[in-house]
Amino acid sequence: MQTAQTAPAIVLVHPQMGENIGAAARVMANFGLCDLRLVAPRDGWPNPAAETMSAGALPEHVDVTVFDAVEAAIADLNMVIATTARPRGMEKPVLGTGAAVQKLKSVAGATGLLFGAEKSGLENEAVALCDAILTYPVNARFSSLNLAQSVAAFAHAWAEEGAPEDSAALQGAPIPATKSELQNMMEHFEDELDRAGFFHPEVKKPVMIQNLRNAFTRAGWTAQEVRTFRGAIKALALGRGSARIDRPGG
């Protein structure tokens, strides 16, 4: 079983400059983070500029994995926090750095942080997949942080905070569903709603799906709860009386 002491993955979504990736890797190595995930880096991978800027962190101390989409990059994670300067109007916890670190360290499972591209930040679709939002107490008149600086602010806080006081209790704590399990459940539910004509008018479908996904993500599902709910979706889809539903002991 993974515990909260497992360092979180750092996920850079559509990073643009190799230098920023390298600088992020360097500061990750400084503070003991080693799992760097890149989602569709603009200039591809590997990137010589990143290796040079990493000052030896790549590939000696930080492992890099490249993904085509955010969903794939976070599929094995149990909790993910989005780093963004604004709440995006979503009903998600908005945390400071210390609170975000403690939330991640309270999870008996694998965790990660999402960071957006240098110019545009994270898209709403990516934020909707996350459990909470991390925002830094930056100057409102000059709030723009360099990508590597943003990673550094979190990495320092992670190392400084140390292990949680109740780390032993996490050994028996239920592990949240992975993002892949939750994503599959949401898509299953959305497909059945689509068949039932729920998404009407069609133009509102993206916003309706985002609202549903925010609600599901906020609930903190376990893997068993996901399996149970998917069984319920299947039963409803079959229709009342069309099939016998087997239950434990029945």
C-alpha atoms as a PDB file:
ATOM      1  CA  MET A   1       0.000   0.000   0.000  1.00  0.00           C
ATOM      2  CA  GLN A   2       1.242   3.474  -0.824  1.00  0.00           C
ATOM      3  CA  THR A   3       1.098   6.002   1.982  1.00  0.00           C
ATOM      4  CA  ALA A   4       1.027   9.767   2.213  1.00  0.00           C
ATOM      5  CA  GLN A   5       4.806   9.798   2.612  1.00  0.00           C
ATOM      6  CA  THR A   6       5.118   8.932  -1.091  1.00  0.00           C
ATOM      7  CA  ALA A   7       6.197  12.158  -2.766  1.00  0.00           C
ATOM      8  CA  PRO A   8       3.618  13.547  -5.200  1.00  0.00           C
ATOM      9  CA  ALA A   9       4.025  13.515  -8.949  1.00  0.00           C
ATOM     10  CA  ILE A  10       4.579  16.887 -10.593  1.00  0.00           C
ATOM     11  CA  VAL A  11       2.496  17.123 -13.775  1.00  0.00           C
ATOM     12  CA  LEU A  12       3.317  19.898 -16.248  1.00  0.00           C
ATOM     13  CA  VAL A  13       0.441  20.341 -18.689  1.00  0.00           C
ATOM     14  CA  HIS A  14       1.483  21.571 -22.164  1.00  0.00           C
ATOM     15  CA  PRO A  15       4.794  23.094 -20.977  1.00  0.00           C
ATOM     16  CA  GLN A  16       6.345  25.282 -23.649  1.00  0.00           C
ATOM     17  CA  MET A  17      10.023  25.944 -22.909  1.00  0.00           C
ATOM     18  CA  GLY A  18      12.567  23.229 -22.290  1.00  0.00           C
ATOM     19  CA  GLU A  19      14.422  25.584 -19.974  1.00  0.00           C
ATOM     20  CA  ASN A  20      11.391  25.768 -17.676  1.00  0.00           C
ATOM     21  CA  ILE A  21      11.058  21.992 -17.622  1.00  0.00           C
ATOM     22  CA  GLY A  22      14.730  21.654 -16.745  1.00  0.00           C
ATOM     23  CA  ALA A  23      14.538  24.290 -14.014  1.00  0.00           C
ATOM     24  CA  ALA A  24      11.466  22.546 -12.569  1.00  0.00           C
ATOM     25  CA  ALA A  25      13.309  19.224 -12.550  1.00  0.00           C
ATOM     26  CA  ARG A  26      16.293  20.840 -10.817  1.00  0.00           C
ATOM     27  CA  VAL A  27      14.227  22.217  -7.954  1.00  0.00           C
ATOM     28  CA  MET A  28      12.302  18.938  -7.680  1.00  0.00           C
ATOM     29  CA  ALA A  29      15.599  17.139  -7.117  1.00  0.00           C
ATOM     30  CA  ASN A  30      16.619  19.789  -4.569  1.00  0.00           C
ATOM     31  CA  PHE A  31      13.608  18.921  -2.407  1.00  0.00           C
ATOM     32  CA  GLY A  32      13.321  15.196  -2.968  1.00  0.00           C
ATOM     33  CA  LEU A  33      10.652  14.977  -5.672  1.00  0.00           C
ATOM     34  CA  CYS A  34      11.459  12.568  -8.478  1.00  0.00           C
ATOM     35  CA  ASP A  35       8.283  11.890 -10.535  1.00  0.00           C
ATOM     36  CA  LEU A  36       7.923  14.440 -13.352  1.00  0.00           C
ATOM     37  CA  ARG A  37       5.114  13.948 -15.868  1.00  0.00           C
ATOM     38  CA  LEU A  38       4.786  16.009 -19.037  1.00  0.00           C
ATOM     39  CA  VAL A  39       1.534  16.349 -20.947  1.00  0.00           C
ATOM     40  CA  ALA A  40       2.162  17.084 -24.636  1.00  0.00           C
ATOM     41  CA  PRO A  41       5.225  19.343 -24.241  1.00  0.00           C
ATOM     42  CA  ARG A  42       5.279  21.869 -27.071  1.00  0.00           C
ATOM     43  CA  ASP A  43       8.830  21.118 -28.210  1.00  0.00           C
ATOM     44  CA  GLY A  44       8.643  17.363 -27.705  1.00  0.00           C
ATOM     45  CA  TRP A  45      10.824  15.148 -25.547  1.00  0.00           C
ATOM     46  CA  PRO A  46      13.696  14.629 -24.915  1.00  0.00           C
ATOM     47  CA  ASN A  47      14.724  18.272 -24.926  1.00  0.00           C
ATOM     48  CA  PRO A  48      18.430  19.255 -24.768  1.00  0.00           C
ATOM     49  CA  ALA A  49      17.575  22.670 -23.316  1.00  0.00           C
ATOM     50  CA  ALA A  50      15.797  20.991 -20.414  1.00  0.00           C
ATOM     51  CA  GLU A  51      18.723  18.684 -19.674  1.00  0.00           C
ATOM     52  CA  THR A  52      21.161  21.581 -19.658  1.00  0.00           C
ATOM     53  CA  MET A  53      18.990  23.704 -17.359  1.00  0.00           C
ATOM     54  CA  SER A  54      18.426  20.808 -14.955  1.00  0.00           C
ATOM     55  CA  ALA A  55      22.100  20.922 -13.875  1.00  0.00           C
ATOM     56  CA  GLY A  56      22.252  17.123 -13.729  1.00  0.00           C
ATOM     57  CA  ALA A  57      18.805  16.489 -12.236  1.00  0.00           C
ATOM     58  CA  LEU A  58      17.817  14.957 -15.584  1.00  0.00           C
ATOM     59  CA  PRO A  59      18.038  12.038 -15.877  1.00  0.00           C
ATOM     60  CA  GLU A  60      19.991  11.174 -12.711  1.00  0.00           C
ATOM     61  CA  HIS A  61      17.508  12.294 -10.033  1.00  0.00           C
ATOM     62  CA  VAL A  62      14.173  12.935 -11.754  1.00  0.00           C
ATOM     63  CA  ASP A  63      12.269  10.449 -13.893  1.00  0.00           C
ATOM     64  CA  VAL A  64      10.290  11.926 -16.793  1.00  0.00           C
ATOM     65  CA  THR A  65       7.228  10.326 -18.383  1.00  0.00           C
ATOM     66  CA  VAL A  66       5.411  11.901 -21.336  1.00  0.00           C
ATOM     67  CA  PHE A  67       1.644  11.632 -21.893  1.00  0.00           C
ATOM     68  CA  ASP A  68      -0.715  12.800 -24.614  1.00  0.00           C
ATOM     69  CA  ALA A  69      -3.524  13.864 -22.259  1.00  0.00           C
ATOM     70  CA  VAL A  70      -4.091  14.936 -18.661  1.00  0.00           C
ATOM     71  CA  GLU A  71      -6.398  11.980 -18.037  1.00  0.00           C
ATOM     72  CA  ALA A  72      -3.611   9.529 -18.856  1.00  0.00           C
ATOM     73  CA  ALA A  73      -1.036  11.446 -16.802  1.00  0.00           C
ATOM     74  CA  ILE A  74      -3.118  11.263 -13.610  1.00  0.00           C
ATOM     75  CA  ALA A  75      -4.828   7.892 -14.202  1.00  0.00           C
ATOM     76  CA  ASP A  76      -2.953   6.074 -11.412  1.00  0.00           C
ATOM     77  CA  LEU A  77      -3.211   8.898  -8.856  1.00  0.00           C
ATOM     78  CA  ASN A  78      -5.696   8.904  -5.977  1.00  0.00           C
ATOM     79  CA  MET A  79      -5.676  12.647  -5.318  1.00  0.00           C
ATOM     80  CA  VAL A  80      -4.695  15.541  -7.564  1.00  0.00           C
ATOM     81  CA  ILE A  81      -4.503  19.260  -6.787  1.00  0.00           C
ATOM     82  CA  ALA A  82      -4.563  21.913  -9.504  1.00  0.00           C
ATOM     83  CA  THR A  83      -2.235  24.891  -9.165  1.00  0.00           C
ATOM     84  CA  THR A  84      -3.971  27.981 -10.465  1.00  0.00           C
ATOM     85  CA  ALA A  85      -4.283  31.645  -9.529  1.00  0.00           C
ATOM     86  CA  ARG A  86      -8.099  31.657  -9.643  1.00  0.00           C
ATOM     87  CA  PRO A  87     -10.857  29.336  -8.402  1.00  0.00           C
ATOM     88  CA  ARG A  88     -12.530  29.172 -11.875  1.00  0.00           C
ATOM     89  CA  GLY A  89     -16.022  29.365 -10.318  1.00  0.00           C
ATOM     90  CA  MET A  90     -15.843  25.684  -9.348  1.00  0.00           C
ATOM     91  CA  GLU A  91     -17.036  24.305  -6.025  1.00  0.00           C
ATOM     92  CA  LYS A  92     -13.638  23.000  -4.971  1.00  0.00           C
ATOM     93  CA  PRO A  93     -11.574  23.605  -1.833  1.00  0.00           C
ATOM     94  CA  VAL A  94      -9.105  26.441  -2.395  1.00  0.00           C
ATOM     95  CA  LEU A  95      -5.970  25.827  -0.346  1.00  0.00           C
ATOM     96  CA  GLY A  96      -2.810  27.643   0.582  1.00  0.00           C
ATOM     97  CA  THR A  97       0.523  25.880   0.255  1.00  0.00           C
ATOM     98  CA  GLY A  98       0.670  24.466   3.775  1.00  0.00           C
ATOM     99  CA  ALA A  99      -2.914  23.200   3.672  1.00  0.00           C
ATOM    100  CA  ALA A 100      -2.335  21.619   0.262  1.00  0.00           C
ATOM    101  CA  VAL A 101       0.737  19.774   1.525  1.00  0.00           C
ATOM    102  CA  GLN A 102      -1.140  18.469   4.559  1.00  0.00           C
ATOM    103  CA  LYS A 103      -4.070  17.359   2.399  1.00  0.00           C
ATOM    104  CA  LEU A 104      -1.756  15.381   0.137  1.00  0.00           C
ATOM    105  CA  LYS A 105       0.085  13.862   3.074  1.00  0.00           C
ATOM    106  CA  SER A 106      -3.213  12.765   4.646  1.00  0.00           C
ATOM    107  CA  VAL A 107      -4.020  10.500   1.687  1.00  0.00           C
ATOM    108  CA  ALA A 108      -3.203   6.793   1.778  1.00  0.00           C
ATOM    109  CA  GLY A 109      -2.393   6.643  -1.897  1.00  0.00           C
ATOM    110  CA  ALA A 110      -0.597   8.267  -4.803  1.00  0.00           C
ATOM    111  CA  THR A 111      -0.934  12.021  -5.273  1.00  0.00           C
ATOM    112  CA  GLY A 112       0.023  14.720  -7.731  1.00  0.00           C
ATOM    113  CA  LEU A 113       0.100  18.438  -8.552  1.00  0.00           C
ATOM    114  CA  LEU A 114      -0.997  19.905 -11.893  1.00  0.00           C
ATOM    115  CA  PHE A 115       0.761  22.967 -13.297  1.00  0.00           C
ATOM    116  CA  GLY A 116      -0.410  24.696 -16.470  1.00  0.00           C
ATOM    117  CA  ALA A 117       1.420  26.082 -19.468  1.00  0.00           C
ATOM    118  CA  GLU A 118       3.492  29.232 -19.120  1.00  0.00           C
ATOM    119  CA  LYS A 119       1.091  31.550 -20.961  1.00  0.00           C
ATOM    120  CA  SER A 120      -2.369  30.070 -20.502  1.00  0.00           C
ATOM    121  CA  GLY A 121      -2.255  28.066 -17.265  1.00  0.00           C
ATOM    122  CA  LEU A 122      -4.583  25.113 -16.766  1.00  0.00           C
ATOM    123  CA  GLU A 123      -7.736  24.661 -18.816  1.00  0.00           C
ATOM    124  CA  ASN A 124     -11.031  24.298 -16.945  1.00  0.00           C
ATOM    125  CA  GLU A 125     -11.349  20.696 -18.124  1.00  0.00           C
ATOM    126  CA  ALA A 126      -8.104  19.814 -16.353  1.00  0.00           C
ATOM    127  CA  VAL A 127      -9.062  21.655 -13.163  1.00  0.00           C
ATOM    128  CA  ALA A 128     -12.404  19.811 -13.108  1.00  0.00           C
ATOM    129  CA  LEU A 129     -10.518  16.509 -12.766  1.00  0.00           C
ATOM    130  CA  CYS A 130      -8.781  17.665  -9.588  1.00  0.00           C
ATOM    131  CA  ASP A 131      -9.807  17.383  -5.944  1.00  0.00           C
ATOM    132  CA  ALA A 132      -8.758  20.866  -4.862  1.00  0.00           C
ATOM    133  CA  ILE A 133      -7.068  24.062  -5.993  1.00  0.00           C
ATOM    134  CA  LEU A 134      -3.741  25.380  -4.741  1.00  0.00           C
ATOM    135  CA  THR A 135      -3.160  29.104  -4.976  1.00  0.00           C
ATOM    136  CA  TYR A 136      -0.178  31.105  -3.742  1.00  0.00           C
ATOM    137  CA  PRO A 137      -0.378  34.351  -1.728  1.00  0.00           C
ATOM    138  CA  VAL A 138       1.205  36.403  -4.494  1.00  0.00           C
ATOM    139  CA  ASN A 139       1.039  40.140  -5.032  1.00  0.00           C
ATOM    140  CA  ALA A 140      -2.319  40.882  -6.689  1.00  0.00           C
ATOM    141  CA  ARG A 141      -0.644  43.590  -8.789  1.00  0.00           C
ATOM    142  CA  PHE A 142       1.976  41.172 -10.119  1.00  0.00           C
ATOM    143  CA  SER A 143       0.737  37.609  -9.723  1.00  0.00           C
ATOM    144  CA  SER A 144       2.443  35.881 -12.643  1.00  0.00           C
ATOM    145  CA  LEU A 145       4.849  33.151 -11.538  1.00  0.00           C
ATOM    146  CA  ASN A 146       7.376  31.437 -13.771  1.00  0.00           C
ATOM    147  CA  LEU A 147       6.520  27.736 -14.170  1.00  0.00           C
ATOM    148  CA  ALA A 148       9.659  26.544 -12.381  1.00  0.00           C
ATOM    149  CA  GLN A 149       9.120  29.100  -9.600  1.00  0.00           C
ATOM    150  CA  SER A 150       5.622  27.753  -9.074  1.00  0.00           C
ATOM    151  CA  VAL A 151       6.975  24.207  -8.771  1.00  0.00           C
ATOM    152  CA  ALA A 152       9.697  25.463  -6.410  1.00  0.00           C
ATOM    153  CA  ALA A 153       7.187  27.097  -4.054  1.00  0.00           C
ATOM    154  CA  PHE A 154       5.361  23.809  -3.615  1.00  0.00           C
ATOM    155  CA  ALA A 155       8.486  21.623  -3.483  1.00  0.00           C
ATOM    156  CA  HIS A 156       9.967  23.697  -0.663  1.00  0.00           C
ATOM    157  CA  ALA A 157       6.720  23.523   1.313  1.00  0.00           C
ATOM    158  CA  TRP A 158       6.518  19.755   0.814  1.00  0.00           C
ATOM    159  CA  ALA A 159      10.037  19.221   2.157  1.00  0.00           C
ATOM    160  CA  GLU A 160       9.637  21.705   5.012  1.00  0.00           C
ATOM    161  CA  GLU A 161       6.342  20.287   6.288  1.00  0.00           C
ATOM    162  CA  GLY A 162       7.766  16.864   7.130  1.00  0.00           C
ATOM    163  CA  ALA A 163       5.733  13.713   7.785  1.00  0.00           C
ATOM    164  CA  PRO A 164       2.189  14.061   9.179  1.00  0.00           C
ATOM    165  CA  GLU A 165       1.718  13.311  12.867  1.00  0.00           C
ATOM    166  CA  ASP A 166      -0.862  10.607  12.149  1.00  0.00           C
ATOM    167  CA  SER A 167       1.151   8.821   9.440  1.00  0.00           C
ATOM    168  CA  ALA A 168       0.873   5.450  11.207  1.00  0.00           C
ATOM    169  CA  ALA A 169      -2.927   5.621  11.066  1.00  0.00           C
ATOM    170  CA  LEU A 170      -2.786   5.942   7.280  1.00  0.00           C
ATOM    171  CA  GLN A 171      -1.661   2.343   6.962  1.00  0.00           C
ATOM    172  CA  GLY A 172      -5.238   1.166   7.539  1.00  0.00           C
ATOM    173  CA  ALA A 173      -7.030   4.074   5.879  1.00  0.00           C
ATOM    174  CA  PRO A 174      -9.179   3.390   2.808  1.00  0.00           C
ATOM    175  CA  ILE A 175      -7.467   4.306  -0.436  1.00  0.00           C
ATOM    176  CA  PRO A 176      -9.409   6.707  -2.666  1.00  0.00           C
ATOM    177  CA  ALA A 177     -10.332   5.546  -6.152  1.00  0.00           C
ATOM    178  CA  THR A 178      -7.721   6.295  -8.777  1.00  0.00           C
ATOM    179  CA  LYS A 179      -8.468   9.024 -11.281  1.00  0.00           C
ATOM    180  CA  SER A 180      -8.772   6.337 -13.959  1.00  0.00           C
ATOM    181  CA  GLU A 181     -11.457   4.491 -11.981  1.00  0.00           C
ATOM    182  CA  LEU A 182     -13.324   7.724 -11.302  1.00  0.00           C
ATOM    183  CA  GLN A 183     -12.993   8.883 -14.913  1.00  0.00           C
ATOM    184  CA  ASN A 184     -14.407   5.595 -16.220  1.00  0.00           C
ATOM    185  CA  MET A 185     -17.321   5.839 -13.798  1.00  0.00           C
ATOM    186  CA  MET A 186     -18.128   9.400 -14.825  1.00  0.00           C
ATOM    187  CA  GLU A 187     -17.976   8.525 -18.526  1.00  0.00           C
ATOM    188  CA  HIS A 188     -20.246   5.523 -17.900  1.00  0.00           C
ATOM    189  CA  PHE A 189     -22.777   7.737 -16.122  1.00  0.00           C
ATOM    190  CA  GLU A 190     -22.555  10.462 -18.768  1.00  0.00           C
ATOM    191  CA  ASP A 191     -23.116   7.942 -21.578  1.00  0.00           C
ATOM    192  CA  GLU A 192     -26.310   6.706 -19.940  1.00  0.00           C
ATOM    193  CA  LEU A 193     -27.501  10.260 -19.302  1.00  0.00           C
ATOM    194  CA  ASP A 194     -26.843  11.046 -22.957  1.00  0.00           C
ATOM    195  CA  ARG A 195     -28.931   8.068 -24.054  1.00  0.00           C
ATOM    196  CA  ALA A 196     -31.733   9.252 -21.773  1.00  0.00           C
ATOM    197  CA  GLY A 197     -31.697  12.730 -23.344  1.00  0.00           C
ATOM    198  CA  PHE A 198     -30.495  14.455 -20.193  1.00  0.00           C
ATOM    199  CA  PHE A 199     -28.082  16.828 -21.911  1.00  0.00           C
ATOM    200  CA  HIS A 200     -30.536  19.287 -23.390  1.00  0.00           C
ATOM    201  CA  PRO A 201     -30.029  21.682 -24.981  1.00  0.00           C
ATOM    202  CA  GLU A 202     -26.853  20.283 -26.545  1.00  0.00           C
ATOM    203  CA  VAL A 203     -25.030  23.609 -26.271  1.00  0.00           C
ATOM    204  CA  LYS A 204     -25.096  23.302 -22.460  1.00  0.00           C
ATOM    205  CA  LYS A 205     -23.664  19.773 -22.408  1.00  0.00           C
ATOM    206  CA  PRO A 206     -20.008  20.748 -21.685  1.00  0.00           C
ATOM    207  CA  VAL A 207     -20.992  22.896 -18.705  1.00  0.00           C
ATOM    208  CA  MET A 208     -23.378  20.239 -17.387  1.00  0.00           C
ATOM    209  CA  ILE A 209     -20.674  17.589 -17.622  1.00  0.00           C
ATOM    210  CA  GLN A 210     -18.187  19.870 -15.871  1.00  0.00           C
ATOM    211  CA  ASN A 211     -20.671  20.450 -13.032  1.00  0.00           C
ATOM    212  CA  LEU A 212     -21.285  16.715 -12.666  1.00  0.00           C
ATOM    213  CA  ARG A 213     -17.575  15.935 -12.655  1.00  0.00           C
ATOM    214  CA  ASN A 214     -16.874  18.601 -10.055  1.00  0.00           C
ATOM    215  CA  ALA A 215     -19.526  17.062  -7.800  1.00  0.00           C
ATOM    216  CA  PHE A 216     -18.250  13.514  -8.277  1.00  0.00           C
ATOM    217  CA  THR A 217     -14.628  14.502  -7.706  1.00  0.00           C
ATOM    218  CA  ARG A 218     -15.515  16.453  -4.561  1.00  0.00           C
ATOM    219  CA  ALA A 219     -17.132  13.364  -2.997  1.00  0.00           C
ATOM    220  CA  GLY A 220     -13.840  11.518  -2.460  1.00  0.00           C
ATOM    221  CA  TRP A 221     -14.879   8.081  -3.747  1.00  0.00           C
ATOM    222  CA  THR A 222     -13.195   4.834  -2.756  1.00  0.00           C
ATOM    223  CA  ALA A 223     -12.619   2.089  -5.327  1.00  0.00           C
ATOM    224  CA  GLN A 224     -15.409   0.009  -3.781  1.00  0.00           C
ATOM    225  CA  GLU A 225     -17.858   2.905  -3.956  1.00  0.00           C
ATOM    226  CA  VAL A 226     -17.020   3.374  -7.640  1.00  0.00           C
ATOM    227  CA  ARG A 227     -17.730  -0.303  -8.350  1.00  0.00           C
ATOM    228  CA  THR A 228     -21.015  -0.131  -6.468  1.00  0.00           C
ATOM    229  CA  PHE A 229     -22.168   2.996  -8.269  1.00  0.00           C
ATOM    230  CA  ARG A 230     -21.269   1.572 -11.671  1.00  0.00           C
ATOM    231  CA  GLY A 231     -23.361  -1.473 -10.806  1.00  0.00           C
ATOM    232  CA  ALA A 232     -26.245   0.848  -9.965  1.00  0.00           C
ATOM    233  CA  ILE A 233     -25.852   2.676 -13.285  1.00  0.00           C
ATOM    234  CA  LYS A 234     -25.927  -0.637 -15.137  1.00  0.00           C
ATOM    235  CA  ALA A 235     -29.033  -1.758 -13.260  1.00  0.00           C
ATOM    236  CA  LEU A 236     -30.881   1.461 -14.049  1.00  0.00           C
ATOM    237  CA  ALA A 237     -29.846   1.222 -17.693  1.00  0.00           C
ATOM    238  CA  LEU A 238     -31.248  -2.300 -17.962  1.00  0.00           C
ATOM    239  CA  GLY A 239     -34.598  -1.016 -16.818  1.00  0.00           C
ATOM    240  CA  ARG A 240     -36.896  -2.067 -14.003  1.00  0.00           C
ATOM    241  CA  GLY A 241     -37.918  -5.705 -14.210  1.00  0.00           C
ATOM    242  CA  SER A 242     -35.795  -6.457 -17.280  1.00  0.00           C
ATOM    243  CA  ALA A 243     -33.171  -8.388 -15.352  1.00  0.00           C
ATOM    244  CA  ARG A 244     -32.679  -9.930 -11.940  1.00  0.00           C
ATOM    245  CA  ILE A 245     -30.198  -7.976  -9.824  1.00  0.00           C
ATOM    246  CA  ASP A 246     -28.086 -10.300  -7.703  1.00  0.00           C
ATOM    247  CA  ARG A 247     -27.352  -9.009  -4.233  1.00  0.00           C
ATOM    248  CA  PRO A 248     -25.141 -10.470  -1.509  1.00  0.00           C
ATOM    249  CA  GLY A 249     -27.105 -13.107   0.333  1.00  0.00           C
ATOM    250  CA  GLY A 250     -30.074 -12.798  -2.007  1.00  0.00           C
END
